[in-house]
Amino acid sequence: MQNVSMTEAKRGLSHLAQQGQSFSLTKRGQAVATVRIFGVAPFDAYKAQAAALAMAELANKMKPSKRNGATGVIRALRDV
């Protein structure tokens, strides 16, 4: 397991995460945390586009009203 100082982690956390390996965060030479990187599902452009179109259709159907205010519309769109 690789030891990484806090300052190194601040500068290059995204790079460390892309490597996909677990590492230990150290502060003044003492290990203070262990970071484990789990796999992330690959991005599927087709699914993302389909989801965006479904949300757009739903947004066109739902308009804020006195009974179903803007907050309700946002919650409905979020929970799709």
N, C-alpha and C. Protein backbone atom coordinates (compact mmCIF):
# COMPACT_ATOMS: atom_id res chain seq x y z
N MET A 1 0.85 -1.17 0.00
CA MET A 1 0.00 0.00 0.00
C MET A 1 0.90 1.23 0.00
N GLN A 2 0.54 2.18 -0.82
CA GLN A 2 1.33 3.40 -0.98
C GLN A 2 0.99 4.40 0.13
N ASN A 3 2.01 5.06 0.69
CA ASN A 3 1.80 6.12 1.67
C ASN A 3 1.86 7.45 0.96
N VAL A 4 0.86 8.30 1.19
CA VAL A 4 0.77 9.61 0.54
C VAL A 4 0.53 10.66 1.61
N SER A 5 1.32 11.73 1.56
CA SER A 5 1.13 12.79 2.54
C SER A 5 -0.14 13.59 2.21
N MET A 6 -0.65 14.30 3.17
CA MET A 6 -1.86 15.10 2.97
C MET A 6 -1.67 16.12 1.86
N THR A 7 -0.52 16.78 1.82
CA THR A 7 -0.29 17.81 0.80
C THR A 7 -0.22 17.20 -0.59
N GLU A 8 0.40 16.02 -0.71
CA GLU A 8 0.43 15.34 -2.01
C GLU A 8 -0.98 14.95 -2.44
N ALA A 9 -1.79 14.50 -1.49
CA ALA A 9 -3.16 14.11 -1.80
C ALA A 9 -3.99 15.31 -2.25
N LYS A 10 -3.77 16.47 -1.62
CA LYS A 10 -4.50 17.68 -2.03
C LYS A 10 -4.18 18.04 -3.47
N ARG A 11 -2.91 17.93 -3.83
CA ARG A 11 -2.48 18.31 -5.18
C ARG A 11 -2.92 17.31 -6.24
N GLY A 12 -2.91 16.03 -5.91
CA GLY A 12 -3.15 15.04 -6.95
C GLY A 12 -4.13 13.95 -6.60
N LEU A 13 -5.22 14.29 -5.93
CA LEU A 13 -6.19 13.27 -5.53
C LEU A 13 -6.83 12.59 -6.73
N SER A 14 -7.16 13.36 -7.75
CA SER A 14 -7.80 12.75 -8.92
C SER A 14 -6.84 11.76 -9.60
N HIS A 15 -5.58 12.11 -9.66
CA HIS A 15 -4.59 11.20 -10.25
C HIS A 15 -4.47 9.92 -9.42
N LEU A 16 -4.45 10.06 -8.11
CA LEU A 16 -4.37 8.89 -7.23
C LEU A 16 -5.60 8.01 -7.40
N ALA A 17 -6.77 8.63 -7.53
CA ALA A 17 -8.00 7.86 -7.68
C ALA A 17 -8.04 7.13 -9.02
N GLN A 18 -7.50 7.74 -10.06
CA GLN A 18 -7.50 7.11 -11.38
C GLN A 18 -6.60 5.88 -11.42
N GLN A 19 -5.59 5.84 -10.56
CA GLN A 19 -4.73 4.66 -10.51
C GLN A 19 -5.48 3.44 -10.01
N GLY A 20 -6.52 3.66 -9.21
CA GLY A 20 -7.37 2.57 -8.75
C GLY A 20 -6.78 1.74 -7.63
N GLN A 21 -5.73 2.22 -6.97
CA GLN A 21 -5.11 1.48 -5.89
C GLN A 21 -5.44 2.12 -4.55
N SER A 22 -5.48 1.30 -3.52
CA SER A 22 -5.68 1.84 -2.17
C SER A 22 -4.40 2.52 -1.72
N PHE A 23 -4.54 3.54 -0.88
CA PHE A 23 -3.37 4.22 -0.34
C PHE A 23 -3.66 4.73 1.05
N SER A 24 -2.59 5.03 1.76
CA SER A 24 -2.68 5.49 3.13
C SER A 24 -2.33 6.97 3.18
N LEU A 25 -3.15 7.77 3.84
CA LEU A 25 -2.86 9.19 4.01
C LEU A 25 -2.04 9.37 5.29
N THR A 26 -0.99 10.16 5.19
CA THR A 26 -0.14 10.37 6.35
C THR A 26 -0.08 11.85 6.69
N LYS A 27 0.07 12.10 7.97
CA LYS A 27 0.25 13.46 8.47
C LYS A 27 1.45 13.43 9.39
N ARG A 28 2.48 14.15 8.99
CA ARG A 28 3.76 14.17 9.73
C ARG A 28 4.32 12.76 9.90
N GLY A 29 4.16 11.94 8.85
CA GLY A 29 4.74 10.60 8.87
C GLY A 29 3.88 9.53 9.51
N GLN A 30 2.80 9.91 10.16
CA GLN A 30 1.91 8.95 10.81
C GLN A 30 0.68 8.70 9.94
N ALA A 31 0.32 7.46 9.75
CA ALA A 31 -0.87 7.12 8.96
C ALA A 31 -2.12 7.58 9.71
N VAL A 32 -2.97 8.34 9.04
CA VAL A 32 -4.19 8.83 9.67
C VAL A 32 -5.45 8.30 9.00
N ALA A 33 -5.32 7.80 7.77
CA ALA A 33 -6.49 7.28 7.07
C ALA A 33 -6.06 6.33 5.97
N THR A 34 -6.94 5.42 5.63
CA THR A 34 -6.73 4.53 4.50
C THR A 34 -7.83 4.80 3.49
N VAL A 35 -7.44 5.01 2.25
CA VAL A 35 -8.41 5.29 1.19
C VAL A 35 -8.44 4.08 0.27
N ARG A 36 -9.64 3.55 0.08
CA ARG A 36 -9.82 2.42 -0.82
C ARG A 36 -10.64 2.87 -2.01
N ILE A 37 -10.14 2.60 -3.19
CA ILE A 37 -10.81 3.00 -4.42
C ILE A 37 -11.59 1.80 -4.95
N PHE A 38 -12.88 2.00 -5.18
CA PHE A 38 -13.72 0.95 -5.73
C PHE A 38 -13.98 1.26 -7.20
N GLY A 39 -14.22 0.25 -7.96
CA GLY A 39 -14.47 0.42 -9.39
C GLY A 39 -15.73 1.22 -9.65
N VAL A 40 -15.70 1.96 -10.73
CA VAL A 40 -16.83 2.78 -11.14
C VAL A 40 -17.33 2.24 -12.48
N ALA A 41 -18.62 2.16 -12.61
CA ALA A 41 -19.19 1.67 -13.86
C ALA A 41 -18.80 2.60 -15.00
N PRO A 42 -18.50 2.03 -16.16
CA PRO A 42 -18.11 2.87 -17.30
C PRO A 42 -19.28 3.75 -17.75
N PHE A 43 -18.95 4.92 -18.27
CA PHE A 43 -19.96 5.87 -18.72
C PHE A 43 -20.58 5.35 -20.01
N ASP A 44 -21.89 5.32 -20.07
CA ASP A 44 -22.61 4.89 -21.27
C ASP A 44 -23.36 6.09 -21.83
N ALA A 45 -22.89 6.62 -22.93
CA ALA A 45 -23.47 7.83 -23.52
C ALA A 45 -24.91 7.59 -23.95
N TYR A 46 -25.23 6.40 -24.43
CA TYR A 46 -26.59 6.11 -24.87
C TYR A 46 -27.57 6.18 -23.69
N LYS A 47 -27.19 5.58 -22.56
CA LYS A 47 -28.06 5.61 -21.37
C LYS A 47 -28.21 7.03 -20.84
N ALA A 48 -27.13 7.78 -20.86
CA ALA A 48 -27.18 9.17 -20.38
C ALA A 48 -28.10 10.01 -21.25
N GLN A 49 -28.02 9.83 -22.55
CA GLN A 49 -28.88 10.58 -23.46
C GLN A 49 -30.34 10.18 -23.28
N ALA A 50 -30.59 8.89 -23.10
CA ALA A 50 -31.96 8.42 -22.89
C ALA A 50 -32.53 8.99 -21.60
N ALA A 51 -31.73 9.04 -20.55
CA ALA A 51 -32.19 9.60 -19.28
C ALA A 51 -32.47 11.09 -19.42
N ALA A 52 -31.62 11.81 -20.14
CA ALA A 52 -31.83 13.24 -20.33
C ALA A 52 -33.11 13.51 -21.12
N LEU A 53 -33.36 12.71 -22.14
CA LEU A 53 -34.59 12.87 -22.93
C LEU A 53 -35.83 12.56 -22.09
N ALA A 54 -35.75 11.52 -21.26
CA ALA A 54 -36.89 11.17 -20.40
C ALA A 54 -37.17 12.30 -19.41
N MET A 55 -36.12 12.90 -18.86
CA MET A 55 -36.32 14.01 -17.93
C MET A 55 -36.90 15.23 -18.66
N ALA A 56 -36.45 15.48 -19.88
CA ALA A 56 -36.98 16.61 -20.64
C ALA A 56 -38.46 16.42 -20.94
N GLU A 57 -38.85 15.20 -21.30
CA GLU A 57 -40.27 14.92 -21.56
C GLU A 57 -41.11 15.12 -20.31
N LEU A 58 -40.60 14.62 -19.20
CA LEU A 58 -41.32 14.77 -17.94
C LEU A 58 -41.42 16.24 -17.54
N ALA A 59 -40.36 17.00 -17.77
CA ALA A 59 -40.37 18.43 -17.43
C ALA A 59 -41.38 19.17 -18.28
N ASN A 60 -41.55 18.77 -19.53
CA ASN A 60 -42.54 19.43 -20.40
C ASN A 60 -43.96 19.13 -19.96
N LYS A 61 -44.18 17.94 -19.40
CA LYS A 61 -45.51 17.56 -18.94
C LYS A 61 -45.88 18.21 -17.61
N MET A 62 -44.89 18.42 -16.75
CA MET A 62 -45.16 18.93 -15.41
C MET A 62 -44.87 20.42 -15.35
N LYS A 63 -45.85 21.17 -14.98
CA LYS A 63 -45.67 22.61 -14.80
C LYS A 63 -46.06 22.96 -13.36
N PRO A 64 -45.36 23.90 -12.75
CA PRO A 64 -45.72 24.29 -11.38
C PRO A 64 -47.13 24.87 -11.32
N SER A 65 -47.84 24.54 -10.27
CA SER A 65 -49.17 25.09 -10.04
C SER A 65 -49.31 25.37 -8.55
N LYS A 66 -50.46 25.87 -8.16
CA LYS A 66 -50.65 26.14 -6.73
C LYS A 66 -50.63 24.84 -5.93
N ARG A 67 -51.19 23.78 -6.50
CA ARG A 67 -51.23 22.51 -5.79
C ARG A 67 -49.87 21.80 -5.84
N ASN A 68 -49.26 21.80 -7.00
CA ASN A 68 -47.98 21.12 -7.19
C ASN A 68 -46.95 22.19 -7.53
N GLY A 69 -46.39 22.82 -6.52
CA GLY A 69 -45.47 23.93 -6.71
C GLY A 69 -44.15 23.51 -7.34
N ALA A 70 -43.27 24.48 -7.51
CA ALA A 70 -41.98 24.24 -8.15
C ALA A 70 -41.17 23.20 -7.37
N THR A 71 -41.29 23.22 -6.06
CA THR A 71 -40.55 22.25 -5.25
C THR A 71 -41.01 20.83 -5.58
N GLY A 72 -42.30 20.64 -5.74
CA GLY A 72 -42.83 19.33 -6.09
C GLY A 72 -42.36 18.86 -7.45
N VAL A 73 -42.27 19.78 -8.39
CA VAL A 73 -41.79 19.43 -9.73
C VAL A 73 -40.33 19.01 -9.68
N ILE A 74 -39.52 19.76 -8.95
CA ILE A 74 -38.10 19.43 -8.84
C ILE A 74 -37.93 18.07 -8.17
N ARG A 75 -38.70 17.81 -7.12
CA ARG A 75 -38.61 16.50 -6.45
C ARG A 75 -39.01 15.38 -7.37
N ALA A 76 -40.06 15.58 -8.16
CA ALA A 76 -40.51 14.54 -9.09
C ALA A 76 -39.45 14.26 -10.15
N LEU A 77 -38.81 15.32 -10.65
CA LEU A 77 -37.76 15.14 -11.64
C LEU A 77 -36.54 14.44 -11.02
N ARG A 78 -36.24 14.77 -9.80
CA ARG A 78 -35.08 14.17 -9.12
C ARG A 78 -35.30 12.67 -8.89
N ASP A 79 -36.52 12.28 -8.58
CA ASP A 79 -36.81 10.89 -8.21
C ASP A 79 -37.10 9.99 -9.39
N VAL A 80 -36.92 10.47 -10.59
CA VAL A 80 -37.18 9.64 -11.79
C VAL A 80 -36.18 8.54 -11.88
